[in-house]
């Protein structure tokens, strides 16, 4: 009886194990089967059409005076007189600073008297030479004495000019750093001078645009700090690309008759290159960064296809496609995170 009872319990246990194992197997098989693919994804898109594109290169630059110099004395000495007012306008060759030159002027006066005497001596020697009273050598010595003294006079006059600091061009004087009676050397900075009615703006652009710029191109400038906008013309191009930054250095001239723009200012720049007549532009959100570049989804034969592309100029809302797409392609612009190549799609074209 006990044997029969044990047999019944064992049979029941084995049956339970087989039932649980069978249920688990079915659940596992059901989980391992792929989910049935849903219907087409509805997305928005645009049909690619060629359109004109203003080729604008944006950069930043620095404003420079068209002429700028630090005023420094050529000769050391004591300042006798300062003739300029800080911040004032001066004309070219205006006398700005006079350094004491009493010793040189005394030497110049002495030399001029010696010249007068030597000239009289030369005249008398010439009369004697004409009647063969002296030799050619004696007369040449008298002539040479006159010429030597005149050279000494010119040298003294040049040294006196070095004691005068004059404006090298028309412009505006800045702050002065010396006073009358002070001693200056050849390294003492007296003041700075700027010519700002015409300004230079230095900036750089990527080297890929180097063949598209030319002297005379119009350049637009703006300053966020002063809210000013102005324009100029490109007038000089560096004949080499900077090997460190891979950029091309450019310089533009800007009219500043009202002197509202000051050298040293930071400005933002727009350089308009030749307009592209048939650019292919796609919305910015349609371009997807990938491991080796960028791609967009295109509808082909009812399904989405990922196409690698190369981009060019960017605007606020669009990106130029230079390689990978053709006019007439339908570009998908929404639902990009849900798409894979081969996924069926319904595109609502806007």
C-alpha atoms as a PDB file:
ATOM      1  CA  UNK A   1       0.000   0.000   0.000  1.00  0.00           C
ATOM      2  CA  UNK A   2       2.819   2.341   0.901  1.00  0.00           C
ATOM      3  CA  UNK A   3       4.545   1.490  -2.407  1.00  0.00           C
ATOM      4  CA  UNK A   4       1.433   2.376  -4.401  1.00  0.00           C
ATOM      5  CA  UNK A   5       1.083   5.697  -2.511  1.00  0.00           C
ATOM      6  CA  UNK A   6       4.688   6.689  -3.257  1.00  0.00           C
ATOM      7  CA  UNK A   7       4.215   5.850  -6.950  1.00  0.00           C
ATOM      8  CA  UNK A   8       1.173   8.154  -7.171  1.00  0.00           C
ATOM      9  CA  UNK A   9       3.027  11.073  -5.515  1.00  0.00           C
ATOM     10  CA  UNK A  10       6.067  10.614  -7.783  1.00  0.00           C
ATOM     11  CA  UNK A  11       3.882  10.566 -10.900  1.00  0.00           C
ATOM     12  CA  UNK A  12       2.128  13.752  -9.825  1.00  0.00           C
ATOM     13  CA  UNK A  13       5.458  15.518  -9.220  1.00  0.00           C
ATOM     14  CA  UNK A  14       6.855  14.550 -12.601  1.00  0.00           C
ATOM     15  CA  UNK A  15       3.671  15.760 -14.287  1.00  0.00           C
ATOM     16  CA  UNK A  16       3.902  19.106 -12.561  1.00  0.00           C
ATOM     17  CA  UNK A  17       7.525  19.544 -13.609  1.00  0.00           C
ATOM     18  CA  UNK A  18       6.719  18.685 -17.223  1.00  0.00           C
ATOM     19  CA  UNK A  19       3.806  21.146 -17.227  1.00  0.00           C
ATOM     20  CA  UNK A  20       5.906  24.002 -15.861  1.00  0.00           C
ATOM     21  CA  UNK A  21       8.732  23.207 -18.276  1.00  0.00           C
ATOM     22  CA  UNK A  22       6.310  23.189 -21.189  1.00  0.00           C
ATOM     23  CA  UNK A  23       4.866  26.584 -20.224  1.00  0.00           C
ATOM     24  CA  UNK A  24       8.310  28.107 -19.802  1.00  0.00           C
ATOM     25  CA  UNK A  25       9.395  26.814 -23.188  1.00  0.00           C
ATOM     26  CA  UNK A  26       6.379  28.327 -24.892  1.00  0.00           C
ATOM     27  CA  UNK A  27       6.954  31.676 -23.200  1.00  0.00           C
ATOM     28  CA  UNK A  28      10.611  31.657 -24.229  1.00  0.00           C
ATOM     29  CA  UNK A  29       9.780  30.855 -27.831  1.00  0.00           C
ATOM     30  CA  UNK A  30       7.211  33.595 -27.909  1.00  0.00           C
ATOM     31  CA  UNK A  31       9.732  36.123 -26.571  1.00  0.00           C
ATOM     32  CA  UNK A  32      12.442  35.099 -29.030  1.00  0.00           C
ATOM     33  CA  UNK A  33      10.202  35.640 -32.056  1.00  0.00           C
ATOM     34  CA  UNK A  34      10.588  39.121 -33.611  1.00  0.00           C
ATOM     35  CA  UNK A  35       7.716  41.514 -33.184  1.00  0.00           C
ATOM     36  CA  UNK A  36       5.588  41.912 -36.191  1.00  0.00           C
ATOM     37  CA  UNK A  37       6.679  45.028 -38.182  1.00  0.00           C
ATOM     38  CA  UNK A  38       4.187  47.914 -38.033  1.00  0.00           C
ATOM     39  CA  UNK A  39       2.873  50.017 -40.901  1.00  0.00           C
ATOM     40  CA  UNK A  40       4.607  52.953 -42.667  1.00  0.00           C
ATOM     41  CA  UNK A  41       5.836  55.885 -40.574  1.00  0.00           C
ATOM     42  CA  UNK A  42       4.253  59.229 -41.420  1.00  0.00           C
ATOM     43  CA  UNK A  43       6.858  62.022 -41.614  1.00  0.00           C
ATOM     44  CA  UNK A  44       7.310  65.484 -43.099  1.00  0.00           C
ATOM     45  CA  UNK A  45       9.664  66.264 -45.942  1.00  0.00           C
ATOM     46  CA  UNK A  46      10.696  68.675 -48.665  1.00  0.00           C
ATOM     47  CA  UNK A  47      11.484  68.247 -52.326  1.00  0.00           C
ATOM     48  CA  UNK A  48      14.968  69.491 -53.093  1.00  0.00           C
ATOM     49  CA  UNK A  49      15.011  72.385 -55.560  1.00  0.00           C
ATOM     50  CA  UNK A  50      17.969  74.538 -56.719  1.00  0.00           C
ATOM     51  CA  UNK A  51      17.838  78.092 -55.380  1.00  0.00           C
ATOM     52  CA  UNK A  52      20.089  81.179 -55.336  1.00  0.00           C
ATOM     53  CA  UNK A  53      22.329  81.462 -52.284  1.00  0.00           C
ATOM     54  CA  UNK A  54      24.245  84.489 -51.070  1.00  0.00           C
ATOM     55  CA  UNK A  55      27.727  83.186 -50.330  1.00  0.00           C
ATOM     56  CA  UNK A  56      28.559  85.094 -47.131  1.00  0.00           C
ATOM     57  CA  UNK A  57      31.681  84.408 -45.090  1.00  0.00           C
ATOM     58  CA  UNK A  58      31.451  85.499 -41.464  1.00  0.00           C
ATOM     59  CA  UNK A  59      34.463  86.309 -39.348  1.00  0.00           C
ATOM     60  CA  UNK A  60      35.706  88.679 -36.666  1.00  0.00           C
ATOM     61  CA  UNK A  61      38.350  91.370 -36.930  1.00  0.00           C
ATOM     62  CA  UNK A  62      40.170  94.266 -35.334  1.00  0.00           C
ATOM     63  CA  UNK A  63      40.019  97.930 -36.326  1.00  0.00           C
ATOM     64  CA  UNK A  64      43.377  99.653 -36.902  1.00  0.00           C
ATOM     65  CA  UNK A  65      44.316 103.248 -37.625  1.00  0.00           C
ATOM     66  CA  UNK A  66      45.388 103.779 -41.218  1.00  0.00           C
ATOM     67  CA  UNK A  67      48.589 105.322 -39.820  1.00  0.00           C
ATOM     68  CA  UNK A  68      49.868 105.008 -36.274  1.00  0.00           C
ATOM     69  CA  UNK A  69      53.129 106.039 -34.616  1.00  0.00           C
ATOM     70  CA  UNK A  70      54.684 106.611 -31.207  1.00  0.00           C
ATOM     71  CA  UNK A  71      56.458 109.969 -31.097  1.00  0.00           C
ATOM     72  CA  UNK A  72      60.059 109.519 -29.907  1.00  0.00           C
ATOM     73  CA  UNK A  73      62.951 111.988 -30.002  1.00  0.00           C
ATOM     74  CA  UNK A  74      65.823 111.214 -32.393  1.00  0.00           C
ATOM     75  CA  UNK A  75      68.255 113.033 -30.085  1.00  0.00           C
ATOM     76  CA  UNK A  76      68.434 113.171 -26.298  1.00  0.00           C
ATOM     77  CA  UNK A  77      68.000 116.473 -24.502  1.00  0.00           C
ATOM     78  CA  UNK A  78      65.820 118.734 -22.393  1.00  0.00           C
ATOM     79  CA  UNK A  79      62.337 119.637 -23.658  1.00  0.00           C
ATOM     80  CA  UNK A  80      62.203 123.364 -24.275  1.00  0.00           C
ATOM     81  CA  UNK A  81      58.659 123.704 -25.599  1.00  0.00           C
ATOM     82  CA  UNK A  82      55.583 121.519 -26.258  1.00  0.00           C
ATOM     83  CA  UNK A  83      53.383 122.922 -29.018  1.00  0.00           C
ATOM     84  CA  UNK A  84      50.465 120.449 -29.119  1.00  0.00           C
ATOM     85  CA  UNK A  85      47.368 119.872 -27.019  1.00  0.00           C
ATOM     86  CA  UNK A  86      46.413 116.351 -26.041  1.00  0.00           C
ATOM     87  CA  UNK A  87      43.662 114.931 -28.246  1.00  0.00           C
ATOM     88  CA  UNK A  88      43.979 117.689 -30.843  1.00  0.00           C
ATOM     89  CA  UNK A  89      44.266 117.428 -34.617  1.00  0.00           C
ATOM     90  CA  UNK A  90      47.555 118.357 -36.250  1.00  0.00           C
ATOM     91  CA  UNK A  91      48.692 118.724 -39.834  1.00  0.00           C
ATOM     92  CA  UNK A  92      51.663 117.097 -41.456  1.00  0.00           C
ATOM     93  CA  UNK A  93      55.003 118.756 -40.508  1.00  0.00           C
ATOM     94  CA  UNK A  94      53.466 120.764 -37.646  1.00  0.00           C
ATOM     95  CA  UNK A  95      56.074 121.348 -34.908  1.00  0.00           C
ATOM     96  CA  UNK A  96      55.044 119.332 -31.850  1.00  0.00           C
ATOM     97  CA  UNK A  97      58.000 119.338 -29.465  1.00  0.00           C
ATOM     98  CA  UNK A  98      61.222 121.374 -29.361  1.00  0.00           C
ATOM     99  CA  UNK A  99      64.298 119.999 -27.587  1.00  0.00           C
ATOM    100  CA  UNK A 100      66.950 122.470 -26.464  1.00  0.00           C
ATOM    101  CA  UNK A 101      69.511 123.027 -29.257  1.00  0.00           C
ATOM    102  CA  UNK A 102      71.418 126.121 -28.069  1.00  0.00           C
ATOM    103  CA  UNK A 103      74.801 124.388 -28.395  1.00  0.00           C
ATOM    104  CA  UNK A 104      74.122 123.296 -31.964  1.00  0.00           C
ATOM    105  CA  UNK A 105      72.885 126.725 -33.021  1.00  0.00           C
ATOM    106  CA  UNK A 106      76.036 128.285 -31.614  1.00  0.00           C
ATOM    107  CA  UNK A 107      78.154 125.857 -33.611  1.00  0.00           C
ATOM    108  CA  UNK A 108      76.057 126.588 -36.700  1.00  0.00           C
ATOM    109  CA  UNK A 109      76.608 130.340 -36.319  1.00  0.00           C
ATOM    110  CA  UNK A 110      80.362 129.799 -35.959  1.00  0.00           C
ATOM    111  CA  UNK A 111      80.441 127.599 -39.047  1.00  0.00           C
ATOM    112  CA  UNK A 112      78.532 130.151 -41.126  1.00  0.00           C
ATOM    113  CA  UNK A 113      81.111 132.807 -40.208  1.00  0.00           C
ATOM    114  CA  UNK A 114      83.899 130.423 -41.188  1.00  0.00           C
ATOM    115  CA  UNK A 115      82.185 129.830 -44.504  1.00  0.00           C
ATOM    116  CA  UNK A 116      82.043 133.549 -45.220  1.00  0.00           C
ATOM    117  CA  UNK A 117      85.789 133.831 -44.540  1.00  0.00           C
ATOM    118  CA  UNK A 118      86.585 130.758 -46.635  1.00  0.00           C
ATOM    119  CA  UNK A 119      84.532 132.056 -49.544  1.00  0.00           C
ATOM    120  CA  UNK A 120      86.448 135.363 -49.520  1.00  0.00           C
ATOM    121  CA  UNK A 121      89.706 133.418 -49.365  1.00  0.00           C
ATOM    122  CA  UNK A 122      88.643 131.273 -52.302  1.00  0.00           C
ATOM    123  CA  UNK A 123      87.851 134.381 -54.384  1.00  0.00           C
ATOM    124  CA  UNK A 124      91.304 135.831 -53.757  1.00  0.00           C
ATOM    125  CA  UNK A 125      92.937 132.508 -54.587  1.00  0.00           C
ATOM    126  CA  UNK A 126      90.914 132.367 -57.805  1.00  0.00           C
ATOM    127  CA  UNK A 127      92.246 135.777 -58.875  1.00  0.00           C
ATOM    128  CA  UNK A 128      95.824 134.685 -58.193  1.00  0.00           C
ATOM    129  CA  UNK A 129      95.279 131.415 -60.002  1.00  0.00           C
ATOM    130  CA  UNK A 130      93.932 133.215 -63.074  1.00  0.00           C
ATOM    131  CA  UNK A 131      97.206 135.163 -63.397  1.00  0.00           C
ATOM    132  CA  UNK A 132      99.275 132.078 -62.536  1.00  0.00           C
ATOM    133  CA  UNK A 133     100.180 133.544 -59.138  1.00  0.00           C
ATOM    134  CA  UNK A 134      99.475 130.223 -57.369  1.00  0.00           C
ATOM    135  CA  UNK A 135      99.398 126.592 -58.386  1.00  0.00           C
ATOM    136  CA  UNK A 136      96.337 124.514 -59.120  1.00  0.00           C
ATOM    137  CA  UNK A 137      96.892 122.622 -55.875  1.00  0.00           C
ATOM    138  CA  UNK A 138      96.780 125.762 -53.759  1.00  0.00           C
ATOM    139  CA  UNK A 139      93.558 126.889 -55.378  1.00  0.00           C
ATOM    140  CA  UNK A 140      91.983 123.427 -54.923  1.00  0.00           C
ATOM    141  CA  UNK A 141      92.779 123.592 -51.198  1.00  0.00           C
ATOM    142  CA  UNK A 142      90.848 126.854 -50.907  1.00  0.00           C
ATOM    143  CA  UNK A 143      87.860 125.413 -52.776  1.00  0.00           C
ATOM    144  CA  UNK A 144      87.916 122.278 -50.634  1.00  0.00           C
ATOM    145  CA  UNK A 145      87.931 124.392 -47.454  1.00  0.00           C
ATOM    146  CA  UNK A 146      84.730 126.118 -48.550  1.00  0.00           C
ATOM    147  CA  UNK A 147      83.027 122.803 -49.404  1.00  0.00           C
ATOM    148  CA  UNK A 148      84.087 121.199 -46.108  1.00  0.00           C
ATOM    149  CA  UNK A 149      82.660 124.038 -44.062  1.00  0.00           C
ATOM    150  CA  UNK A 150      79.389 123.920 -46.021  1.00  0.00           C
ATOM    151  CA  UNK A 151      79.144 120.176 -45.289  1.00  0.00           C
ATOM    152  CA  UNK A 152      79.688 120.902 -41.590  1.00  0.00           C
ATOM    153  CA  UNK A 153      76.899 123.470 -41.769  1.00  0.00           C
ATOM    154  CA  UNK A 154      74.513 120.968 -43.368  1.00  0.00           C
ATOM    155  CA  UNK A 155      75.391 118.402 -40.715  1.00  0.00           C
ATOM    156  CA  UNK A 156      74.641 120.868 -37.918  1.00  0.00           C
ATOM    157  CA  UNK A 157      71.347 121.825 -39.562  1.00  0.00           C
ATOM    158  CA  UNK A 158      70.395 118.130 -39.690  1.00  0.00           C
ATOM    159  CA  UNK A 159      71.234 117.703 -36.013  1.00  0.00           C
ATOM    160  CA  UNK A 160      69.101 120.723 -35.171  1.00  0.00           C
ATOM    161  CA  UNK A 161      66.187 119.207 -37.119  1.00  0.00           C
ATOM    162  CA  UNK A 162      66.523 116.089 -34.965  1.00  0.00           C
ATOM    163  CA  UNK A 163      65.813 118.291 -31.952  1.00  0.00           C
ATOM    164  CA  UNK A 164      62.452 119.154 -33.518  1.00  0.00           C
ATOM    165  CA  UNK A 165      59.649 116.586 -33.374  1.00  0.00           C
ATOM    166  CA  UNK A 166      57.169 117.224 -36.185  1.00  0.00           C
ATOM    167  CA  UNK A 167      53.942 115.497 -37.191  1.00  0.00           C
ATOM    168  CA  UNK A 168      54.729 112.770 -39.738  1.00  0.00           C
ATOM    169  CA  UNK A 169      51.177 112.900 -41.138  1.00  0.00           C
ATOM    170  CA  UNK A 170      47.845 114.597 -40.544  1.00  0.00           C
ATOM    171  CA  UNK A 171      46.033 113.032 -37.620  1.00  0.00           C
ATOM    172  CA  UNK A 172      45.129 113.191 -33.965  1.00  0.00           C
ATOM    173  CA  UNK A 173      47.550 113.366 -31.040  1.00  0.00           C
ATOM    174  CA  UNK A 174      46.891 111.171 -28.015  1.00  0.00           C
ATOM    175  CA  UNK A 175      47.946 111.616 -24.409  1.00  0.00           C
ATOM    176  CA  UNK A 176      51.417 113.005 -23.713  1.00  0.00           C
ATOM    177  CA  UNK A 177      53.819 111.410 -21.260  1.00  0.00           C
ATOM    178  CA  UNK A 178      56.384 114.213 -20.846  1.00  0.00           C
ATOM    179  CA  UNK A 179      56.462 117.806 -19.638  1.00  0.00           C
ATOM    180  CA  UNK A 180      58.378 120.935 -20.566  1.00  0.00           C
ATOM    181  CA  UNK A 181      61.772 120.949 -18.870  1.00  0.00           C
ATOM    182  CA  UNK A 182      61.900 117.159 -18.725  1.00  0.00           C
ATOM    183  CA  UNK A 183      64.811 115.210 -20.156  1.00  0.00           C
ATOM    184  CA  UNK A 184      64.092 112.749 -22.931  1.00  0.00           C
ATOM    185  CA  UNK A 185      66.239 110.056 -24.485  1.00  0.00           C
ATOM    186  CA  UNK A 186      65.883 108.187 -27.738  1.00  0.00           C
ATOM    187  CA  UNK A 187      63.654 105.621 -25.994  1.00  0.00           C
ATOM    188  CA  UNK A 188      61.310 108.045 -24.209  1.00  0.00           C
ATOM    189  CA  UNK A 189      57.716 107.830 -25.454  1.00  0.00           C
ATOM    190  CA  UNK A 190      56.405 111.373 -25.830  1.00  0.00           C
ATOM    191  CA  UNK A 191      52.908 110.654 -27.198  1.00  0.00           C
ATOM    192  CA  UNK A 192      51.084 108.564 -29.766  1.00  0.00           C
ATOM    193  CA  UNK A 193      49.549 109.785 -32.989  1.00  0.00           C
ATOM    194  CA  UNK A 194      46.780 108.173 -35.063  1.00  0.00           C
ATOM    195  CA  UNK A 195      45.263 108.855 -38.451  1.00  0.00           C
ATOM    196  CA  UNK A 196      41.653 107.721 -38.018  1.00  0.00           C
ATOM    197  CA  UNK A 197      39.670 109.458 -40.750  1.00  0.00           C
ATOM    198  CA  UNK A 198      40.491 106.315 -42.731  1.00  0.00           C
ATOM    199  CA  UNK A 199      40.689 102.974 -40.929  1.00  0.00           C
ATOM    200  CA  UNK A 200      41.977  99.493 -41.644  1.00  0.00           C
ATOM    201  CA  UNK A 201      40.205  96.313 -40.535  1.00  0.00           C
ATOM    202  CA  UNK A 202      42.242  93.113 -40.281  1.00  0.00           C
ATOM    203  CA  UNK A 203      40.480  89.741 -40.382  1.00  0.00           C
ATOM    204  CA  UNK A 204      40.959  86.217 -41.704  1.00  0.00           C
ATOM    205  CA  UNK A 205      38.869  83.627 -43.563  1.00  0.00           C
ATOM    206  CA  UNK A 206      39.272  79.844 -44.046  1.00  0.00           C
ATOM    207  CA  UNK A 207      41.682  78.907 -46.818  1.00  0.00           C
ATOM    208  CA  UNK A 208      38.927  77.189 -48.843  1.00  0.00           C
ATOM    209  CA  UNK A 209      37.663  80.677 -49.771  1.00  0.00           C
ATOM    210  CA  UNK A 210      41.073  81.944 -50.897  1.00  0.00           C
ATOM    211  CA  UNK A 211      40.235  81.652 -54.613  1.00  0.00           C
ATOM    212  CA  UNK A 212      36.880  83.411 -54.196  1.00  0.00           C
ATOM    213  CA  UNK A 213      38.032  86.757 -52.782  1.00  0.00           C
ATOM    214  CA  UNK A 214      39.471  89.686 -54.686  1.00  0.00           C
ATOM    215  CA  UNK A 215      40.580  93.236 -54.008  1.00  0.00           C
ATOM    216  CA  UNK A 216      37.559  95.553 -54.212  1.00  0.00           C
ATOM    217  CA  UNK A 217      35.033  93.142 -52.634  1.00  0.00           C
ATOM    218  CA  UNK A 218      32.527  94.844 -50.319  1.00  0.00           C
ATOM    219  CA  UNK A 219      32.851  94.010 -46.621  1.00  0.00           C
ATOM    220  CA  UNK A 220      30.176  94.697 -43.988  1.00  0.00           C
ATOM    221  CA  UNK A 221      31.118  95.381 -40.371  1.00  0.00           C
ATOM    222  CA  UNK A 222      29.116  95.596 -37.157  1.00  0.00           C
ATOM    223  CA  UNK A 223      29.899  96.146 -33.490  1.00  0.00           C
ATOM    224  CA  UNK A 224      27.716  94.696 -30.747  1.00  0.00           C
ATOM    225  CA  UNK A 225      29.190  97.061 -28.163  1.00  0.00           C
ATOM    226  CA  UNK A 226      28.432 100.282 -30.030  1.00  0.00           C
ATOM    227  CA  UNK A 227      25.553  98.935 -32.191  1.00  0.00           C
ATOM    228  CA  UNK A 228      27.253 100.503 -35.204  1.00  0.00           C
ATOM    229  CA  UNK A 229      27.184  99.138 -38.745  1.00  0.00           C
ATOM    230  CA  UNK A 230      29.465 100.262 -41.550  1.00  0.00           C
ATOM    231  CA  UNK A 231      31.035  98.972 -44.744  1.00  0.00           C
ATOM    232  CA  UNK A 232      34.363  99.056 -46.513  1.00  0.00           C
ATOM    233  CA  UNK A 233      36.322  97.576 -49.381  1.00  0.00           C
ATOM    234  CA  UNK A 234      38.884  94.824 -49.395  1.00  0.00           C
ATOM    235  CA  UNK A 235      42.174  96.367 -50.458  1.00  0.00           C
ATOM    236  CA  UNK A 236      44.935  93.919 -49.541  1.00  0.00           C
ATOM    237  CA  UNK A 237      45.272  90.118 -49.355  1.00  0.00           C
ATOM    238  CA  UNK A 238      48.151  88.280 -47.705  1.00  0.00           C
ATOM    239  CA  UNK A 239      49.869  86.232 -50.447  1.00  0.00           C
ATOM    240  CA  UNK A 240      50.094  83.105 -48.262  1.00  0.00           C
ATOM    241  CA  UNK A 241      47.907  80.954 -46.009  1.00  0.00           C
ATOM    242  CA  UNK A 242      48.855  80.845 -42.337  1.00  0.00           C
ATOM    243  CA  UNK A 243      50.191  77.287 -41.845  1.00  0.00           C
ATOM    244  CA  UNK A 244      49.140  77.262 -38.175  1.00  0.00           C
ATOM    245  CA  UNK A 245      45.503  78.344 -38.474  1.00  0.00           C
ATOM    246  CA  UNK A 246      44.973  77.513 -42.169  1.00  0.00           C
ATOM    247  CA  UNK A 247      43.430  80.912 -42.713  1.00  0.00           C
ATOM    248  CA  UNK A 248      44.026  83.751 -45.164  1.00  0.00           C
ATOM    249  CA  UNK A 249      44.692  87.214 -43.764  1.00  0.00           C
ATOM    250  CA  UNK A 250      42.743  90.094 -45.350  1.00  0.00           C
ATOM    251  CA  UNK A 251      42.630  93.860 -44.833  1.00  0.00           C
ATOM    252  CA  UNK A 252      39.841  96.293 -45.695  1.00  0.00           C
ATOM    253  CA  UNK A 253      39.700 100.097 -45.764  1.00  0.00           C
ATOM    254  CA  UNK A 254      36.830 101.914 -44.046  1.00  0.00           C
ATOM    255  CA  UNK A 255      35.906 105.578 -44.332  1.00  0.00           C
ATOM    256  CA  UNK A 256      35.691 107.236 -40.894  1.00  0.00           C
ATOM    257  CA  UNK A 257      35.336 110.940 -41.604  1.00  0.00           C
ATOM    258  CA  UNK A 258      33.236 111.475 -38.473  1.00  0.00           C
ATOM    259  CA  UNK A 259      35.819 109.570 -36.392  1.00  0.00           C
ATOM    260  CA  UNK A 260      33.110 107.609 -34.572  1.00  0.00           C
ATOM    261  CA  UNK A 261      34.977 104.312 -34.921  1.00  0.00           C
ATOM    262  CA  UNK A 262      38.123 103.999 -32.835  1.00  0.00           C
ATOM    263  CA  UNK A 263      41.186 101.859 -33.514  1.00  0.00           C
ATOM    264  CA  UNK A 264      41.387  98.695 -31.446  1.00  0.00           C
ATOM    265  CA  UNK A 265      37.656  97.976 -31.655  1.00  0.00           C
ATOM    266  CA  UNK A 266      36.412  94.407 -32.132  1.00  0.00           C
ATOM    267  CA  UNK A 267      34.013  93.975 -35.057  1.00  0.00           C
ATOM    268  CA  UNK A 268      32.025  91.200 -36.679  1.00  0.00           C
ATOM    269  CA  UNK A 269      32.456  90.851 -40.417  1.00  0.00           C
ATOM    270  CA  UNK A 270      30.387  89.680 -43.371  1.00  0.00           C
ATOM    271  CA  UNK A 271      32.237  89.225 -46.642  1.00  0.00           C
ATOM    272  CA  UNK A 272      29.943  88.646 -49.609  1.00  0.00           C
ATOM    273  CA  UNK A 273      31.410  86.344 -52.219  1.00  0.00           C
ATOM    274  CA  UNK A 274      29.966  85.436 -55.618  1.00  0.00           C
ATOM    275  CA  UNK A 275      26.304  84.329 -55.408  1.00  0.00           C
ATOM    276  CA  UNK A 276      25.619  80.614 -56.013  1.00  0.00           C
ATOM    277  CA  UNK A 277      22.753  80.383 -58.501  1.00  0.00           C
ATOM    278  CA  UNK A 278      21.763  76.693 -58.043  1.00  0.00           C
ATOM    279  CA  UNK A 279      22.492  75.760 -54.438  1.00  0.00           C
ATOM    280  CA  UNK A 280      20.773  72.697 -52.946  1.00  0.00           C
ATOM    281  CA  UNK A 281      19.567  73.702 -49.473  1.00  0.00           C
ATOM    282  CA  UNK A 282      18.030  71.376 -46.863  1.00  0.00           C
ATOM    283  CA  UNK A 283      16.637  72.273 -43.431  1.00  0.00           C
ATOM    284  CA  UNK A 284      19.259  72.103 -40.699  1.00  0.00           C
ATOM    285  CA  UNK A 285      17.333  69.465 -38.721  1.00  0.00           C
ATOM    286  CA  UNK A 286      17.449  67.066 -41.675  1.00  0.00           C
ATOM    287  CA  UNK A 287      21.240  66.681 -41.451  1.00  0.00           C
ATOM    288  CA  UNK A 288      22.306  63.898 -39.060  1.00  0.00           C
ATOM    289  CA  UNK A 289      25.863  63.672 -37.685  1.00  0.00           C
ATOM    290  CA  UNK A 290      27.321  60.178 -38.182  1.00  0.00           C
ATOM    291  CA  UNK A 291      30.638  58.539 -37.412  1.00  0.00           C
ATOM    292  CA  UNK A 292      32.350  59.480 -40.673  1.00  0.00           C
ATOM    293  CA  UNK A 293      30.549  62.674 -41.546  1.00  0.00           C
ATOM    294  CA  UNK A 294      26.903  63.575 -42.077  1.00  0.00           C
ATOM    295  CA  UNK A 295      23.865  62.002 -43.701  1.00  0.00           C
ATOM    296  CA  UNK A 296      20.210  62.690 -44.548  1.00  0.00           C
ATOM    297  CA  UNK A 297      17.205  60.399 -45.016  1.00  0.00           C
ATOM    298  CA  UNK A 298      15.737  60.368 -48.522  1.00  0.00           C
ATOM    299  CA  UNK A 299      12.508  58.699 -49.618  1.00  0.00           C
ATOM    300  CA  UNK A 300      13.157  56.220 -52.444  1.00  0.00           C
ATOM    301  CA  UNK A 301      10.530  53.751 -53.682  1.00  0.00           C
ATOM    302  CA  UNK A 302       8.415  54.276 -50.575  1.00  0.00           C
ATOM    303  CA  UNK A 303      11.138  53.601 -48.034  1.00  0.00           C
ATOM    304  CA  UNK A 304      13.656  55.716 -46.146  1.00  0.00           C
ATOM    305  CA  UNK A 305      17.274  55.548 -47.305  1.00  0.00           C
ATOM    306  CA  UNK A 306      20.215  57.073 -45.397  1.00  0.00           C
ATOM    307  CA  UNK A 307      22.460  58.980 -47.831  1.00  0.00           C
ATOM    308  CA  UNK A 308      25.925  60.311 -46.855  1.00  0.00           C
ATOM    309  CA  UNK A 309      26.374  63.955 -47.844  1.00  0.00           C
ATOM    310  CA  UNK A 310      28.913  66.760 -47.789  1.00  0.00           C
ATOM    311  CA  UNK A 311      27.815  70.167 -46.585  1.00  0.00           C
ATOM    312  CA  UNK A 312      28.844  73.693 -47.487  1.00  0.00           C
ATOM    313  CA  UNK A 313      27.439  77.060 -46.457  1.00  0.00           C
ATOM    314  CA  UNK A 314      25.156  77.280 -43.429  1.00  0.00           C
ATOM    315  CA  UNK A 315      22.427  79.840 -42.878  1.00  0.00           C
ATOM    316  CA  UNK A 316      20.179  80.332 -39.865  1.00  0.00           C
ATOM    317  CA  UNK A 317      17.788  77.551 -40.960  1.00  0.00           C
ATOM    318  CA  UNK A 318      19.386  75.676 -43.861  1.00  0.00           C
ATOM    319  CA  UNK A 319      22.526  73.847 -44.920  1.00  0.00           C
ATOM    320  CA  UNK A 320      23.965  73.668 -48.430  1.00  0.00           C
ATOM    321  CA  UNK A 321      24.527  70.140 -49.746  1.00  0.00           C
ATOM    322  CA  UNK A 322      27.509  69.973 -52.075  1.00  0.00           C
ATOM    323  CA  UNK A 323      27.653  66.190 -52.645  1.00  0.00           C
ATOM    324  CA  UNK A 324      25.263  63.255 -52.251  1.00  0.00           C
ATOM    325  CA  UNK A 325      21.906  64.673 -53.349  1.00  0.00           C
ATOM    326  CA  UNK A 326      20.256  65.788 -56.566  1.00  0.00           C
ATOM    327  CA  UNK A 327      17.458  68.180 -57.431  1.00  0.00           C
ATOM    328  CA  UNK A 328      14.074  66.481 -57.057  1.00  0.00           C
ATOM    329  CA  UNK A 329      15.076  64.232 -54.124  1.00  0.00           C
ATOM    330  CA  UNK A 330      12.531  64.043 -51.296  1.00  0.00           C
ATOM    331  CA  UNK A 331      14.277  64.870 -48.025  1.00  0.00           C
ATOM    332  CA  UNK A 332      12.766  63.638 -44.740  1.00  0.00           C
ATOM    333  CA  UNK A 333      12.781  66.317 -42.047  1.00  0.00           C
ATOM    334  CA  UNK A 334      10.871  64.820 -39.075  1.00  0.00           C
ATOM    335  CA  UNK A 335      10.762  61.498 -37.225  1.00  0.00           C
ATOM    336  CA  UNK A 336      14.430  60.893 -37.953  1.00  0.00           C
ATOM    337  CA  UNK A 337      15.066  59.046 -34.669  1.00  0.00           C
ATOM    338  CA  UNK A 338      12.477  56.394 -35.625  1.00  0.00           C
ATOM    339  CA  UNK A 339      13.858  55.736 -39.091  1.00  0.00           C
ATOM    340  CA  UNK A 340      16.205  53.082 -40.392  1.00  0.00           C
ATOM    341  CA  UNK A 341      17.230  52.398 -43.957  1.00  0.00           C
ATOM    342  CA  UNK A 342      14.461  50.361 -45.576  1.00  0.00           C
ATOM    343  CA  UNK A 343      11.693  51.531 -43.250  1.00  0.00           C
ATOM    344  CA  UNK A 344       8.467  52.251 -45.174  1.00  0.00           C
ATOM    345  CA  UNK A 345       7.435  55.890 -44.934  1.00  0.00           C
ATOM    346  CA  UNK A 346       4.631  58.196 -45.950  1.00  0.00           C
ATOM    347  CA  UNK A 347       6.035  61.702 -46.547  1.00  0.00           C
ATOM    348  CA  UNK A 348       3.884  64.790 -46.209  1.00  0.00           C
ATOM    349  CA  UNK A 349       5.654  67.306 -48.417  1.00  0.00           C
ATOM    350  CA  UNK A 350       5.595  70.919 -47.241  1.00  0.00           C
END
